[in-house]
Amino acid sequence: YSANLGAELSTDGTYYYATRFQYLEQDMVYGGFNGGFYDGTTNLNGELTVTTPVVDDEITWANLQHPESGAIAPNEEFLVYGRLYIENVTEVAGEDTDIQAWIGYSTDNTNPNTWTNWVAASYLGEVADSDNDEYSANLGAELSTDGTYYYATRFQYLEQDMVYGGFNGGFYDGTTNLNGELTVTTPT
């Protein structure tokens, strides 16, 4: 015989369990673990601990901090900055190695979650007036061809879904938090 005891326990705590059997109108008997009838010394109750799983903190805010736009010559330095916030994580001093950050670019002004060009960003530190962490990468070093490029940030914490930052209010949304725009032109 078996039963799903876990389905009955919705509160954290330690629970003890045993079996109970009855045949016809005879007295009930109780089974202990694992040698026979419960006796309080050798054959005891089972013990089950129920705890609510800890949910990992997650990125609740990220952006493309600056610059909003720019113009450079091919491969000229163009530093792009992004910030993110994770409760209980980014408030702590120092770099959290479970955070990954990138600056991405595309010749299409589309949702950055469709882009394929991403450059790893480096941790710069905590932002003095907030609980955000800041990251940066030199996007200009990647761009050797004249044209218009759009850029955004991408962050990942642990194995969670990636999030994309738009300028400069928060997650990219295509309306208020947008991609940055960079023009690359060879000097004449």
C-alpha atoms as a PDB file:
ATOM      1  CA  TYR A   1       0.000   0.000   0.000  1.00  0.00           C
ATOM      2  CA  SER A   2       1.153   3.575  -0.550  1.00  0.00           C
ATOM      3  CA  ALA A   3      -0.117   7.138  -0.370  1.00  0.00           C
ATOM      4  CA  ASN A   4       1.230  10.504  -1.491  1.00  0.00           C
ATOM      5  CA  LEU A   5       1.785  12.111   1.903  1.00  0.00           C
ATOM      6  CA  GLY A   6       3.456  15.176   0.358  1.00  0.00           C
ATOM      7  CA  ALA A   7       0.184  16.240  -1.270  1.00  0.00           C
ATOM      8  CA  GLU A   8      -1.275  16.737   2.227  1.00  0.00           C
ATOM      9  CA  LEU A   9       1.547  18.919   3.617  1.00  0.00           C
ATOM     10  CA  SER A  10       1.436  22.568   2.551  1.00  0.00           C
ATOM     11  CA  THR A  11       3.230  24.135   5.530  1.00  0.00           C
ATOM     12  CA  ASP A  12       6.947  24.111   6.294  1.00  0.00           C
ATOM     13  CA  GLY A  13       7.891  21.924   9.222  1.00  0.00           C
ATOM     14  CA  THR A  14       8.999  18.501  10.407  1.00  0.00           C
ATOM     15  CA  TYR A  15       6.430  15.740  10.189  1.00  0.00           C
ATOM     16  CA  TYR A  16       6.442  12.179  11.486  1.00  0.00           C
ATOM     17  CA  TYR A  17       4.581   9.401   9.729  1.00  0.00           C
ATOM     18  CA  ALA A  18       3.682   5.753  10.129  1.00  0.00           C
ATOM     19  CA  THR A  19       1.328   3.188   8.632  1.00  0.00           C
ATOM     20  CA  ARG A  20      -1.919   1.906  10.107  1.00  0.00           C
ATOM     21  CA  PHE A  21      -3.759  -1.286   9.157  1.00  0.00           C
ATOM     22  CA  GLN A  22      -7.035  -2.912  10.154  1.00  0.00           C
ATOM     23  CA  TYR A  23      -8.440  -6.289   9.203  1.00  0.00           C
ATOM     24  CA  LEU A  24     -12.209  -6.761   9.540  1.00  0.00           C
ATOM     25  CA  GLU A  25     -13.273  -5.535  13.016  1.00  0.00           C
ATOM     26  CA  GLN A  26      -9.954  -6.266  14.697  1.00  0.00           C
ATOM     27  CA  ASP A  27      -7.910  -3.593  16.494  1.00  0.00           C
ATOM     28  CA  MET A  28      -5.781  -1.331  14.329  1.00  0.00           C
ATOM     29  CA  VAL A  29      -2.058  -1.996  14.187  1.00  0.00           C
ATOM     30  CA  TYR A  30       0.689   0.554  13.447  1.00  0.00           C
ATOM     31  CA  GLY A  31       3.795  -0.051  11.393  1.00  0.00           C
ATOM     32  CA  GLY A  32       7.182   1.427  12.295  1.00  0.00           C
ATOM     33  CA  PHE A  33      10.276   1.776  10.155  1.00  0.00           C
ATOM     34  CA  ASN A  34      11.355  -0.808   9.093  1.00  0.00           C
ATOM     35  CA  GLY A  35      11.182  -4.024  11.085  1.00  0.00           C
ATOM     36  CA  GLY A  36       7.525  -4.390  12.012  1.00  0.00           C
ATOM     37  CA  PHE A  37       4.969  -2.931  14.413  1.00  0.00           C
ATOM     38  CA  TYR A  38       5.780   0.502  15.852  1.00  0.00           C
ATOM     39  CA  ASP A  39       7.500  -0.025  19.227  1.00  0.00           C
ATOM     40  CA  GLY A  40       9.096   3.385  19.972  1.00  0.00           C
ATOM     41  CA  THR A  41      12.647   2.041  20.150  1.00  0.00           C
ATOM     42  CA  THR A  42      13.627  -0.118  17.180  1.00  0.00           C
ATOM     43  CA  ASN A  43      10.697   0.369  14.816  1.00  0.00           C
ATOM     44  CA  LEU A  44      10.069   4.118  14.682  1.00  0.00           C
ATOM     45  CA  ASN A  45       8.085   6.722  12.772  1.00  0.00           C
ATOM     46  CA  GLY A  46       9.428   8.063   9.505  1.00  0.00           C
ATOM     47  CA  GLU A  47      10.514  11.721   9.508  1.00  0.00           C
ATOM     48  CA  LEU A  48       9.808  14.231   6.736  1.00  0.00           C
ATOM     49  CA  THR A  49      11.016  17.842   6.544  1.00  0.00           C
ATOM     50  CA  VAL A  50       8.992  20.228   4.372  1.00  0.00           C
ATOM     51  CA  THR A  51      10.658  23.489   3.300  1.00  0.00           C
ATOM     52  CA  THR A  52       9.565  26.026   0.745  1.00  0.00           C
ATOM     53  CA  PRO A  53      12.217  26.149  -1.994  1.00  0.00           C
ATOM     54  CA  VAL A  54      14.289  29.289  -2.118  1.00  0.00           C
ATOM     55  CA  VAL A  55      13.645  31.144  -5.364  1.00  0.00           C
ATOM     56  CA  ASP A  56      16.766  32.695  -6.813  1.00  0.00           C
ATOM     57  CA  ASP A  57      16.733  36.431  -7.006  1.00  0.00           C
ATOM     58  CA  GLU A  58      16.312  37.691 -10.544  1.00  0.00           C
ATOM     59  CA  ILE A  59      17.144  40.746 -12.613  1.00  0.00           C
ATOM     60  CA  THR A  60      14.272  43.153 -12.019  1.00  0.00           C
ATOM     61  CA  TRP A  61      15.773  46.134 -13.853  1.00  0.00           C
ATOM     62  CA  ALA A  62      18.423  46.642 -16.534  1.00  0.00           C
ATOM     63  CA  ASN A  63      19.193  49.388 -19.016  1.00  0.00           C
ATOM     64  CA  LEU A  64      21.475  50.846 -21.641  1.00  0.00           C
ATOM     65  CA  GLN A  65      22.850  53.626 -19.449  1.00  0.00           C
ATOM     66  CA  HIS A  66      24.746  55.694 -22.021  1.00  0.00           C
ATOM     67  CA  PRO A  67      25.503  56.978 -24.559  1.00  0.00           C
ATOM     68  CA  GLU A  68      22.175  57.270 -26.344  1.00  0.00           C
ATOM     69  CA  SER A  69      23.906  57.807 -29.683  1.00  0.00           C
ATOM     70  CA  GLY A  70      27.248  58.624 -31.250  1.00  0.00           C
ATOM     71  CA  ALA A  71      29.406  58.947 -34.357  1.00  0.00           C
ATOM     72  CA  ILE A  72      32.896  57.483 -34.779  1.00  0.00           C
ATOM     73  CA  ALA A  73      35.435  56.451 -37.393  1.00  0.00           C
ATOM     74  CA  PRO A  74      35.821  52.688 -37.978  1.00  0.00           C
ATOM     75  CA  ASN A  75      37.331  50.886 -34.942  1.00  0.00           C
ATOM     76  CA  GLU A  76      37.495  54.114 -32.934  1.00  0.00           C
ATOM     77  CA  GLU A  77      36.833  53.718 -29.226  1.00  0.00           C
ATOM     78  CA  PHE A  78      33.143  53.921 -28.327  1.00  0.00           C
ATOM     79  CA  LEU A  79      32.430  52.844 -24.765  1.00  0.00           C
ATOM     80  CA  VAL A  80      28.891  51.696 -24.021  1.00  0.00           C
ATOM     81  CA  TYR A  81      27.601  51.352 -20.451  1.00  0.00           C
ATOM     82  CA  GLY A  82      24.755  49.346 -18.969  1.00  0.00           C
ATOM     83  CA  ARG A  83      23.377  48.841 -15.491  1.00  0.00           C
ATOM     84  CA  LEU A  84      21.288  46.217 -13.748  1.00  0.00           C
ATOM     85  CA  TYR A  85      19.645  45.555 -10.417  1.00  0.00           C
ATOM     86  CA  ILE A  86      19.110  42.248  -8.613  1.00  0.00           C
ATOM     87  CA  GLU A  87      17.704  42.427  -5.102  1.00  0.00           C
ATOM     88  CA  ASN A  88      20.127  40.994  -2.508  1.00  0.00           C
ATOM     89  CA  VAL A  89      22.856  40.671  -5.163  1.00  0.00           C
ATOM     90  CA  THR A  90      23.879  43.995  -6.681  1.00  0.00           C
ATOM     91  CA  GLU A  91      23.658  45.763  -3.310  1.00  0.00           C
ATOM     92  CA  VAL A  92      26.568  43.642  -2.092  1.00  0.00           C
ATOM     93  CA  ALA A  93      30.017  45.150  -2.668  1.00  0.00           C
ATOM     94  CA  GLY A  94      32.119  43.585  -5.391  1.00  0.00           C
ATOM     95  CA  GLU A  95      31.457  41.673  -8.578  1.00  0.00           C
ATOM     96  CA  ASP A  96      29.031  38.761  -8.535  1.00  0.00           C
ATOM     97  CA  THR A  97      30.478  36.155 -10.881  1.00  0.00           C
ATOM     98  CA  ASP A  98      27.009  34.706 -11.525  1.00  0.00           C
ATOM     99  CA  ILE A  99      26.153  37.820 -13.586  1.00  0.00           C
ATOM    100  CA  GLN A 100      27.081  37.933 -17.270  1.00  0.00           C
ATOM    101  CA  ALA A 101      26.871  41.121 -19.322  1.00  0.00           C
ATOM    102  CA  TRP A 102      27.170  41.979 -23.018  1.00  0.00           C
ATOM    103  CA  ILE A 103      26.833  44.895 -25.400  1.00  0.00           C
ATOM    104  CA  GLY A 104      25.163  43.858 -28.647  1.00  0.00           C
ATOM    105  CA  TYR A 105      24.829  45.502 -32.030  1.00  0.00           C
ATOM    106  CA  SER A 106      22.946  45.118 -35.287  1.00  0.00           C
ATOM    107  CA  THR A 107      22.426  47.007 -38.530  1.00  0.00           C
ATOM    108  CA  ASP A 108      18.676  46.535 -37.959  1.00  0.00           C
ATOM    109  CA  ASN A 109      16.795  48.583 -35.382  1.00  0.00           C
ATOM    110  CA  THR A 110      14.912  45.570 -34.019  1.00  0.00           C
ATOM    111  CA  ASN A 111      14.356  43.873 -30.695  1.00  0.00           C
ATOM    112  CA  PRO A 112      17.845  42.996 -29.407  1.00  0.00           C
ATOM    113  CA  ASN A 113      16.688  39.500 -28.457  1.00  0.00           C
ATOM    114  CA  THR A 114      16.982  38.684 -32.203  1.00  0.00           C
ATOM    115  CA  TRP A 115      20.577  39.898 -32.574  1.00  0.00           C
ATOM    116  CA  THR A 116      23.609  37.653 -32.988  1.00  0.00           C
ATOM    117  CA  ASN A 117      26.521  40.079 -32.404  1.00  0.00           C
ATOM    118  CA  TRP A 118      27.397  40.368 -28.709  1.00  0.00           C
ATOM    119  CA  VAL A 119      30.569  41.591 -27.002  1.00  0.00           C
ATOM    120  CA  ALA A 120      31.324  40.611 -23.399  1.00  0.00           C
ATOM    121  CA  ALA A 121      31.140  43.608 -21.069  1.00  0.00           C
ATOM    122  CA  SER A 122      33.403  44.144 -18.074  1.00  0.00           C
ATOM    123  CA  TYR A 123      32.288  44.857 -14.531  1.00  0.00           C
ATOM    124  CA  LEU A 124      32.997  48.471 -13.534  1.00  0.00           C
ATOM    125  CA  GLY A 125      31.571  48.514 -10.018  1.00  0.00           C
ATOM    126  CA  GLU A 126      28.642  49.616  -7.934  1.00  0.00           C
ATOM    127  CA  VAL A 127      26.886  52.816  -8.907  1.00  0.00           C
ATOM    128  CA  ALA A 128      27.397  55.310  -6.074  1.00  0.00           C
ATOM    129  CA  ASP A 129      23.845  56.649  -5.857  1.00  0.00           C
ATOM    130  CA  SER A 130      21.975  53.339  -6.281  1.00  0.00           C
ATOM    131  CA  ASP A 131      22.137  49.586  -5.708  1.00  0.00           C
ATOM    132  CA  ASN A 132      22.913  48.949  -9.386  1.00  0.00           C
ATOM    133  CA  ASP A 133      26.042  47.373 -10.844  1.00  0.00           C
ATOM    134  CA  GLU A 134      27.564  48.855 -14.003  1.00  0.00           C
ATOM    135  CA  TYR A 135      29.223  47.118 -16.956  1.00  0.00           C
ATOM    136  CA  SER A 136      30.933  48.460 -20.072  1.00  0.00           C
ATOM    137  CA  ALA A 137      32.476  47.389 -23.389  1.00  0.00           C
ATOM    138  CA  ASN A 138      34.271  49.137 -26.231  1.00  0.00           C
ATOM    139  CA  LEU A 139      31.775  48.648 -29.047  1.00  0.00           C
ATOM    140  CA  GLY A 140      33.832  50.719 -31.504  1.00  0.00           C
ATOM    141  CA  ALA A 141      36.573  48.090 -31.599  1.00  0.00           C
ATOM    142  CA  GLU A 142      34.075  45.706 -33.240  1.00  0.00           C
ATOM    143  CA  LEU A 143      32.917  48.053 -36.004  1.00  0.00           C
ATOM    144  CA  SER A 144      35.286  48.369 -38.969  1.00  0.00           C
ATOM    145  CA  THR A 145      32.713  49.078 -41.691  1.00  0.00           C
ATOM    146  CA  ASP A 146      30.869  52.344 -42.358  1.00  0.00           C
ATOM    147  CA  GLY A 147      27.183  52.261 -41.546  1.00  0.00           C
ATOM    148  CA  THR A 148      24.508  52.811 -38.955  1.00  0.00           C
ATOM    149  CA  TYR A 149      24.512  50.404 -36.027  1.00  0.00           C
ATOM    150  CA  TYR A 150      22.027  49.916 -33.217  1.00  0.00           C
ATOM    151  CA  TYR A 151      23.160  48.717 -29.797  1.00  0.00           C
ATOM    152  CA  ALA A 152      21.717  47.538 -26.500  1.00  0.00           C
ATOM    153  CA  THR A 153      22.745  45.634 -23.373  1.00  0.00           C
ATOM    154  CA  ARG A 154      22.088  42.028 -22.443  1.00  0.00           C
ATOM    155  CA  PHE A 155      22.378  40.515 -18.965  1.00  0.00           C
ATOM    156  CA  GLN A 156      21.991  37.042 -17.509  1.00  0.00           C
ATOM    157  CA  TYR A 157      21.968  35.932 -13.874  1.00  0.00           C
ATOM    158  CA  LEU A 158      22.765  32.275 -13.169  1.00  0.00           C
ATOM    159  CA  GLU A 159      20.932  30.191 -15.804  1.00  0.00           C
ATOM    160  CA  GLN A 160      17.890  32.479 -15.915  1.00  0.00           C
ATOM    161  CA  ASP A 161      16.506  34.017 -19.096  1.00  0.00           C
ATOM    162  CA  MET A 162      18.492  36.857 -20.607  1.00  0.00           C
ATOM    163  CA  VAL A 163      17.147  40.400 -20.299  1.00  0.00           C
ATOM    164  CA  TYR A 164      17.826  43.326 -22.620  1.00  0.00           C
ATOM    165  CA  GLY A 165      18.373  46.951 -21.619  1.00  0.00           C
ATOM    166  CA  GLY A 166      17.153  49.942 -23.583  1.00  0.00           C
ATOM    167  CA  PHE A 167      18.132  53.586 -23.234  1.00  0.00           C
ATOM    168  CA  ASN A 168      17.897  54.497 -20.397  1.00  0.00           C
ATOM    169  CA  GLY A 169      14.790  53.784 -18.381  1.00  0.00           C
ATOM    170  CA  GLY A 170      14.918  50.013 -18.174  1.00  0.00           C
ATOM    171  CA  PHE A 171      14.295  46.857 -20.157  1.00  0.00           C
ATOM    172  CA  TYR A 172      14.120  47.306 -23.941  1.00  0.00           C
ATOM    173  CA  ASP A 173      10.453  47.688 -24.889  1.00  0.00           C
ATOM    174  CA  GLY A 174      10.569  49.227 -28.393  1.00  0.00           C
ATOM    175  CA  THR A 175       8.637  52.341 -27.387  1.00  0.00           C
ATOM    176  CA  THR A 176      10.225  54.239 -24.495  1.00  0.00           C
ATOM    177  CA  ASN A 177      13.361  52.206 -23.769  1.00  0.00           C
ATOM    178  CA  LEU A 178      15.077  51.944 -27.137  1.00  0.00           C
ATOM    179  CA  ASN A 179      18.308  50.854 -28.783  1.00  0.00           C
ATOM    180  CA  GLY A 180      21.213  53.277 -29.023  1.00  0.00           C
ATOM    181  CA  GLU A 181      22.278  54.425 -32.493  1.00  0.00           C
ATOM    182  CA  LEU A 182      25.878  54.731 -33.716  1.00  0.00           C
ATOM    183  CA  THR A 183      27.062  56.062 -37.060  1.00  0.00           C
ATOM    184  CA  VAL A 184      30.431  54.785 -38.296  1.00  0.00           C
ATOM    185  CA  THR A 185      32.014  56.909 -41.058  1.00  0.00           C
ATOM    186  CA  THR A 186      35.496  56.739 -42.551  1.00  0.00           C
ATOM    187  CA  PRO A 187      37.027  60.256 -42.401  1.00  0.00           C
ATOM    188  CA  THR A 188      37.538  61.870 -45.800  1.00  0.00           C
END
